[in-house]
C-alpha atoms as a PDB file:
ATOM      1  CA  UNK A   1       0.000   0.000   0.000  1.00  0.00           C
ATOM      2  CA  UNK A   2       1.267   3.451  -0.959  1.00  0.00           C
ATOM      3  CA  UNK A   3       0.756   5.443   2.246  1.00  0.00           C
ATOM      4  CA  UNK A   4       1.441   8.839   0.653  1.00  0.00           C
ATOM      5  CA  UNK A   5      -1.062   8.158  -2.148  1.00  0.00           C
ATOM      6  CA  UNK A   6      -3.733   7.086   0.322  1.00  0.00           C
ATOM      7  CA  UNK A   7      -3.149  10.138   2.496  1.00  0.00           C
ATOM      8  CA  UNK A   8      -3.594  12.433  -0.516  1.00  0.00           C
ATOM      9  CA  UNK A   9      -6.810  10.638  -1.461  1.00  0.00           C
ATOM     10  CA  UNK A  10      -8.256  10.957   2.042  1.00  0.00           C
ATOM     11  CA  UNK A  11      -7.197  14.604   2.232  1.00  0.00           C
ATOM     12  CA  UNK A  12      -9.167  15.209  -0.966  1.00  0.00           C
ATOM     13  CA  UNK A  13     -12.165  13.264   0.398  1.00  0.00           C
ATOM     14  CA  UNK A  14     -12.152  15.411   3.519  1.00  0.00           C
ATOM     15  CA  UNK A  15     -11.795  18.603   1.513  1.00  0.00           C
ATOM     16  CA  UNK A  16     -14.760  17.898  -0.756  1.00  0.00           C
ATOM     17  CA  UNK A  17     -16.964  17.640   2.332  1.00  0.00           C
ATOM     18  CA  UNK A  18     -16.941  21.437   2.067  1.00  0.00           C
ATOM     19  CA  UNK A  19     -19.211  21.160  -0.991  1.00  0.00           C
ATOM     20  CA  UNK A  20     -22.050  20.599   1.467  1.00  0.00           C
ATOM     21  CA  UNK A  21     -21.540  24.182   2.658  1.00  0.00           C
ATOM     22  CA  UNK A  22     -21.775  25.825  -0.773  1.00  0.00           C
ATOM     23  CA  UNK A  23     -25.238  27.332  -1.000  1.00  0.00           C
ATOM     24  CA  UNK A  24     -27.167  27.687  -4.210  1.00  0.00           C
ATOM     25  CA  UNK A  25     -30.075  29.971  -5.115  1.00  0.00           C
ATOM     26  CA  UNK A  26     -32.487  27.134  -5.922  1.00  0.00           C
ATOM     27  CA  UNK A  27     -34.978  26.146  -3.232  1.00  0.00           C
ATOM     28  CA  UNK A  28     -35.849  22.587  -2.319  1.00  0.00           C
ATOM     29  CA  UNK A  29     -39.100  21.377  -3.871  1.00  0.00           C
ATOM     30  CA  UNK A  30     -41.028  22.237  -0.695  1.00  0.00           C
ATOM     31  CA  UNK A  31     -39.560  25.762  -0.647  1.00  0.00           C
ATOM     32  CA  UNK A  32     -38.334  25.351   2.943  1.00  0.00           C
ATOM     33  CA  UNK A  33     -34.712  26.279   2.249  1.00  0.00           C
ATOM     34  CA  UNK A  34     -32.146  26.552  -0.532  1.00  0.00           C
ATOM     35  CA  UNK A  35     -30.195  23.500  -1.618  1.00  0.00           C
ATOM     36  CA  UNK A  36     -26.423  23.149  -1.438  1.00  0.00           C
ATOM     37  CA  UNK A  37     -24.013  21.982  -4.134  1.00  0.00           C
ATOM     38  CA  UNK A  38     -23.725  18.439  -2.787  1.00  0.00           C
ATOM     39  CA  UNK A  39     -27.501  18.012  -2.783  1.00  0.00           C
ATOM     40  CA  UNK A  40     -27.633  19.384  -6.324  1.00  0.00           C
ATOM     41  CA  UNK A  41     -24.995  16.870  -7.501  1.00  0.00           C
ATOM     42  CA  UNK A  42     -26.728  13.920  -5.820  1.00  0.00           C
ATOM     43  CA  UNK A  43     -30.083  14.910  -7.299  1.00  0.00           C
ATOM     44  CA  UNK A  44     -28.717  15.139 -10.839  1.00  0.00           C
ATOM     45  CA  UNK A  45     -26.932  11.791 -10.498  1.00  0.00           C
ATOM     46  CA  UNK A  46     -30.182  10.052  -9.556  1.00  0.00           C
ATOM     47  CA  UNK A  47     -32.036  11.919 -12.305  1.00  0.00           C
ATOM     48  CA  UNK A  48     -29.496  10.594 -14.811  1.00  0.00           C
ATOM     49  CA  UNK A  49     -30.164   7.018 -13.689  1.00  0.00           C
ATOM     50  CA  UNK A  50     -33.895   7.572 -14.156  1.00  0.00           C
ATOM     51  CA  UNK A  51     -33.971   9.742 -17.284  1.00  0.00           C
ATOM     52  CA  UNK A  52     -31.130   8.338 -19.394  1.00  0.00           C
ATOM     53  CA  UNK A  53     -33.624   6.823 -21.826  1.00  0.00           C
ATOM     54  CA  UNK A  54     -34.483  10.340 -23.037  1.00  0.00           C
ATOM     55  CA  UNK A  55     -30.954  11.196 -24.098  1.00  0.00           C
ATOM     56  CA  UNK A  56     -30.678  12.119 -27.776  1.00  0.00           C
ATOM     57  CA  UNK A  57     -27.861   9.583 -28.051  1.00  0.00           C
ATOM     58  CA  UNK A  58     -26.871   6.544 -26.028  1.00  0.00           C
ATOM     59  CA  UNK A  59     -24.687   7.606 -23.113  1.00  0.00           C
ATOM     60  CA  UNK A  60     -22.239   5.991 -20.734  1.00  0.00           C
ATOM     61  CA  UNK A  61     -24.257   6.532 -17.557  1.00  0.00           C
ATOM     62  CA  UNK A  62     -21.354   6.092 -15.143  1.00  0.00           C
ATOM     63  CA  UNK A  63     -19.287   8.655 -17.049  1.00  0.00           C
ATOM     64  CA  UNK A  64     -22.242  11.068 -17.113  1.00  0.00           C
ATOM     65  CA  UNK A  65     -22.758  10.672 -13.365  1.00  0.00           C
ATOM     66  CA  UNK A  66     -19.020  11.167 -12.827  1.00  0.00           C
ATOM     67  CA  UNK A  67     -19.197  14.468 -14.722  1.00  0.00           C
ATOM     68  CA  UNK A  68     -22.136  15.592 -12.601  1.00  0.00           C
ATOM     69  CA  UNK A  69     -20.573  14.602  -9.293  1.00  0.00           C
ATOM     70  CA  UNK A  70     -17.326  16.481  -9.875  1.00  0.00           C
ATOM     71  CA  UNK A  71     -18.302  19.500 -11.999  1.00  0.00           C
ATOM     72  CA  UNK A  72     -19.272  21.761  -9.071  1.00  0.00           C
ATOM     73  CA  UNK A  73     -16.497  20.670  -6.696  1.00  0.00           C
ATOM     74  CA  UNK A  74     -14.461  23.693  -7.804  1.00  0.00           C
ATOM     75  CA  UNK A  75     -17.100  25.892  -6.192  1.00  0.00           C
ATOM     76  CA  UNK A  76     -15.564  24.931  -2.835  1.00  0.00           C
ATOM     77  CA  UNK A  77     -13.012  27.644  -3.636  1.00  0.00           C
ATOM     78  CA  UNK A  78     -14.664  29.582  -6.472  1.00  0.00           C
ATOM     79  CA  UNK A  79     -18.112  29.912  -4.918  1.00  0.00           C
ATOM     80  CA  UNK A  80     -21.417  29.296  -6.662  1.00  0.00           C
ATOM     81  CA  UNK A  81     -22.185  31.576  -9.579  1.00  0.00           C
ATOM     82  CA  UNK A  82     -25.911  32.171  -9.841  1.00  0.00           C
ATOM     83  CA  UNK A  83     -27.210  31.276 -13.287  1.00  0.00           C
ATOM     84  CA  UNK A  84     -28.603  34.754 -13.930  1.00  0.00           C
ATOM     85  CA  UNK A  85     -25.839  36.862 -12.360  1.00  0.00           C
ATOM     86  CA  UNK A  86     -24.202  38.369 -15.440  1.00  0.00           C
ATOM     87  CA  UNK A  87     -21.550  40.252 -13.445  1.00  0.00           C
ATOM     88  CA  UNK A  88     -20.337  37.172 -11.561  1.00  0.00           C
ATOM     89  CA  UNK A  89     -20.340  35.120 -14.768  1.00  0.00           C
ATOM     90  CA  UNK A  90     -17.668  37.401 -16.235  1.00  0.00           C
ATOM     91  CA  UNK A  91     -15.050  36.115 -13.780  1.00  0.00           C
ATOM     92  CA  UNK A  92     -16.484  32.603 -13.340  1.00  0.00           C
ATOM     93  CA  UNK A  93     -14.143  30.724 -15.681  1.00  0.00           C
ATOM     94  CA  UNK A  94     -11.020  32.328 -14.234  1.00  0.00           C
ATOM     95  CA  UNK A  95     -12.118  31.673 -10.635  1.00  0.00           C
ATOM     96  CA  UNK A  96     -13.023  28.086 -11.429  1.00  0.00           C
ATOM     97  CA  UNK A  97      -9.754  27.398 -13.294  1.00  0.00           C
ATOM     98  CA  UNK A  98      -7.758  28.518 -10.254  1.00  0.00           C
ATOM     99  CA  UNK A  99     -10.006  26.448  -7.999  1.00  0.00           C
ATOM    100  CA  UNK A 100      -9.574  23.358 -10.211  1.00  0.00           C
ATOM    101  CA  UNK A 101      -5.790  23.728 -10.069  1.00  0.00           C
ATOM    102  CA  UNK A 102      -5.888  23.938  -6.283  1.00  0.00           C
ATOM    103  CA  UNK A 103      -8.457  21.226  -5.615  1.00  0.00           C
ATOM    104  CA  UNK A 104      -7.452  18.551  -8.117  1.00  0.00           C
ATOM    105  CA  UNK A 105      -3.799  19.301  -7.347  1.00  0.00           C
ATOM    106  CA  UNK A 106      -4.342  17.673  -3.951  1.00  0.00           C
ATOM    107  CA  UNK A 107      -4.680  14.258  -5.614  1.00  0.00           C
ATOM    108  CA  UNK A 108      -2.031  11.809  -6.833  1.00  0.00           C
ATOM    109  CA  UNK A 109      -0.985  12.875 -10.333  1.00  0.00           C
ATOM    110  CA  UNK A 110      -2.927  10.209 -12.266  1.00  0.00           C
ATOM    111  CA  UNK A 111      -6.147  11.025 -10.427  1.00  0.00           C
ATOM    112  CA  UNK A 112      -5.507  14.754 -10.684  1.00  0.00           C
ATOM    113  CA  UNK A 113      -5.323  14.392 -14.464  1.00  0.00           C
ATOM    114  CA  UNK A 114      -8.434  12.195 -14.600  1.00  0.00           C
ATOM    115  CA  UNK A 115     -10.579  14.466 -12.425  1.00  0.00           C
ATOM    116  CA  UNK A 116      -9.394  17.570 -14.252  1.00  0.00           C
ATOM    117  CA  UNK A 117     -10.210  15.911 -17.591  1.00  0.00           C
ATOM    118  CA  UNK A 118     -13.743  15.104 -16.394  1.00  0.00           C
ATOM    119  CA  UNK A 119     -14.222  18.682 -15.226  1.00  0.00           C
ATOM    120  CA  UNK A 120     -12.945  20.033 -18.559  1.00  0.00           C
ATOM    121  CA  UNK A 121     -15.185  17.603 -20.472  1.00  0.00           C
ATOM    122  CA  UNK A 122     -18.261  18.884 -18.645  1.00  0.00           C
ATOM    123  CA  UNK A 123     -17.258  22.497 -19.266  1.00  0.00           C
ATOM    124  CA  UNK A 124     -16.596  21.921 -22.992  1.00  0.00           C
ATOM    125  CA  UNK A 125     -20.060  20.363 -23.458  1.00  0.00           C
ATOM    126  CA  UNK A 126     -19.007  18.453 -26.580  1.00  0.00           C
ATOM    127  CA  UNK A 127     -19.362  14.735 -25.762  1.00  0.00           C
ATOM    128  CA  UNK A 128     -22.717  12.947 -25.564  1.00  0.00           C
ATOM    129  CA  UNK A 129     -22.209  12.495 -21.837  1.00  0.00           C
ATOM    130  CA  UNK A 130     -21.327  16.140 -21.255  1.00  0.00           C
ATOM    131  CA  UNK A 131     -24.352  17.304 -23.237  1.00  0.00           C
ATOM    132  CA  UNK A 132     -26.694  15.103 -21.208  1.00  0.00           C
ATOM    133  CA  UNK A 133     -24.984  16.124 -17.966  1.00  0.00           C
ATOM    134  CA  UNK A 134     -25.493  19.778 -18.868  1.00  0.00           C
ATOM    135  CA  UNK A 135     -29.144  19.035 -19.622  1.00  0.00           C
ATOM    136  CA  UNK A 136     -29.512  17.596 -16.107  1.00  0.00           C
ATOM    137  CA  UNK A 137     -27.670  20.609 -14.656  1.00  0.00           C
ATOM    138  CA  UNK A 138     -30.177  22.937 -16.307  1.00  0.00           C
ATOM    139  CA  UNK A 139     -33.372  20.938 -15.827  1.00  0.00           C
ATOM    140  CA  UNK A 140     -32.930  20.136 -12.133  1.00  0.00           C
ATOM    141  CA  UNK A 141     -33.238  23.793 -11.035  1.00  0.00           C
ATOM    142  CA  UNK A 142     -36.121  24.370 -13.476  1.00  0.00           C
ATOM    143  CA  UNK A 143     -37.948  21.438 -11.898  1.00  0.00           C
ATOM    144  CA  UNK A 144     -37.280  22.691  -8.359  1.00  0.00           C
ATOM    145  CA  UNK A 145     -38.241  26.263  -9.227  1.00  0.00           C
ATOM    146  CA  UNK A 146     -41.537  24.982 -10.561  1.00  0.00           C
ATOM    147  CA  UNK A 147     -42.097  22.736  -7.514  1.00  0.00           C
ATOM    148  CA  UNK A 148     -41.395  25.585  -5.073  1.00  0.00           C
ATOM    149  CA  UNK A 149     -43.864  27.901  -6.774  1.00  0.00           C
ATOM    150  CA  UNK A 150     -41.191  29.835  -8.667  1.00  0.00           C
ATOM    151  CA  UNK A 151     -39.719  31.083  -5.396  1.00  0.00           C
ATOM    152  CA  UNK A 152     -36.162  31.747  -6.632  1.00  0.00           C
ATOM    153  CA  UNK A 153     -37.344  33.133  -9.981  1.00  0.00           C
ATOM    154  CA  UNK A 154     -39.564  35.622  -8.166  1.00  0.00           C
ATOM    155  CA  UNK A 155     -36.891  36.634  -5.647  1.00  0.00           C
ATOM    156  CA  UNK A 156     -34.472  37.456  -8.458  1.00  0.00           C
ATOM    157  CA  UNK A 157     -36.996  38.847 -10.961  1.00  0.00           C
ATOM    158  CA  UNK A 158     -35.942  36.303 -13.580  1.00  0.00           C
ATOM    159  CA  UNK A 159     -37.175  36.956 -17.110  1.00  0.00           C
ATOM    160  CA  UNK A 160     -38.131  34.434 -19.764  1.00  0.00           C
ATOM    161  CA  UNK A 161     -35.348  35.558 -22.088  1.00  0.00           C
ATOM    162  CA  UNK A 162     -32.792  34.830 -19.327  1.00  0.00           C
ATOM    163  CA  UNK A 163     -34.109  31.296 -18.916  1.00  0.00           C
ATOM    164  CA  UNK A 164     -34.124  30.686 -22.667  1.00  0.00           C
ATOM    165  CA  UNK A 165     -30.604  32.079 -23.050  1.00  0.00           C
ATOM    166  CA  UNK A 166     -29.286  29.856 -20.279  1.00  0.00           C
ATOM    167  CA  UNK A 167     -30.986  26.855 -21.863  1.00  0.00           C
ATOM    168  CA  UNK A 168     -30.051  27.547 -25.482  1.00  0.00           C
ATOM    169  CA  UNK A 169     -28.139  24.237 -25.664  1.00  0.00           C
ATOM    170  CA  UNK A 170     -30.224  22.149 -23.242  1.00  0.00           C
ATOM    171  CA  UNK A 171     -31.962  20.276 -26.066  1.00  0.00           C
ATOM    172  CA  UNK A 172     -28.584  19.014 -27.308  1.00  0.00           C
ATOM    173  CA  UNK A 173     -28.646  16.484 -24.476  1.00  0.00           C
ATOM    174  CA  UNK A 174     -32.345  15.664 -24.700  1.00  0.00           C
ATOM    175  CA  UNK A 175     -34.891  17.257 -26.976  1.00  0.00           C
ATOM    176  CA  UNK A 176     -37.673  15.340 -25.202  1.00  0.00           C
ATOM    177  CA  UNK A 177     -36.721  16.568 -21.724  1.00  0.00           C
ATOM    178  CA  UNK A 178     -36.276  20.162 -22.892  1.00  0.00           C
ATOM    179  CA  UNK A 179     -39.732  20.063 -24.532  1.00  0.00           C
ATOM    180  CA  UNK A 180     -41.193  18.695 -21.301  1.00  0.00           C
ATOM    181  CA  UNK A 181     -39.454  21.373 -19.219  1.00  0.00           C
ATOM    182  CA  UNK A 182     -40.731  24.135 -21.479  1.00  0.00           C
ATOM    183  CA  UNK A 183     -44.306  22.859 -21.303  1.00  0.00           C
ATOM    184  CA  UNK A 184     -44.429  21.757 -17.653  1.00  0.00           C
ATOM    185  CA  UNK A 185     -41.959  23.986 -15.774  1.00  0.00           C
ATOM    186  CA  UNK A 186     -41.543  27.222 -17.703  1.00  0.00           C
ATOM    187  CA  UNK A 187     -44.815  28.035 -19.473  1.00  0.00           C
ATOM    188  CA  UNK A 188     -47.129  27.550 -16.451  1.00  0.00           C
ATOM    189  CA  UNK A 189     -44.888  29.787 -14.315  1.00  0.00           C
ATOM    190  CA  UNK A 190     -44.800  32.388 -17.073  1.00  0.00           C
ATOM    191  CA  UNK A 191     -48.592  32.366 -17.235  1.00  0.00           C
ATOM    192  CA  UNK A 192     -48.826  32.740 -13.448  1.00  0.00           C
ATOM    193  CA  UNK A 193     -46.414  35.691 -13.434  1.00  0.00           C
ATOM    194  CA  UNK A 194     -43.648  33.906 -11.532  1.00  0.00           C
ATOM    195  CA  UNK A 195     -41.349  34.422 -14.502  1.00  0.00           C
ATOM    196  CA  UNK A 196     -41.262  37.901 -15.992  1.00  0.00           C
ATOM    197  CA  UNK A 197     -41.897  38.364 -19.699  1.00  0.00           C
END
C-alpha cells in the first residue's frame, strides 16, 4: 500500500466535504430552504439514472454521473455563480480554473489528471455524456423552481429571455426533456407571473 497516495486521497475526500456548505439559489421542492451543491450533484446523479432513456444519443451513464458529481467541486473555492448573475459570470471561468488547479492538485498525479479531464469535459459540453450532464444541470433547477412555486425566480426577478438564453443548448442532451421542461416547468410559471416576460 502506498501510504502517501492514500493520504492524498483521504485529504481530498475530507476537503470535498466542504461542498455541502456551498449554498445555491435554488430552493428545495417544498420551498423550505435553498439547496447546497452536494444536494444538487446527488439529485442530478439520480435523475441521470432515471432519465437516461431520453438522451438524444446513447450515453455511458457512469461517465455522465461522474461528470455531474465532480463539476461543481471547484465551487468549494470559487463559490457558486448564480445562473442569472451576469456580473459574476464574467469572472467565473477564471475563478473556477484557479479552484480546479488547487483542488485537483491535492490528488495523486494520475487522479488529478483524470478528475481535471472530467471537469474540462463537462465544461466543454461536446461529448454525448457532457451534453446530457449539462441538460440535467439545467433541468434540475427548473424542476425545483416549478415545484417551489417559482420562489427563486420571483426573488431574483428572472425573465423568460434569461431562462431561454441559459438553456439555449439544453436540447442538445435531450430534446424530449427540454420540450417537457418548457411545457411543464416554464410556461405555467410564465402564465402565473412567476417568470417575468
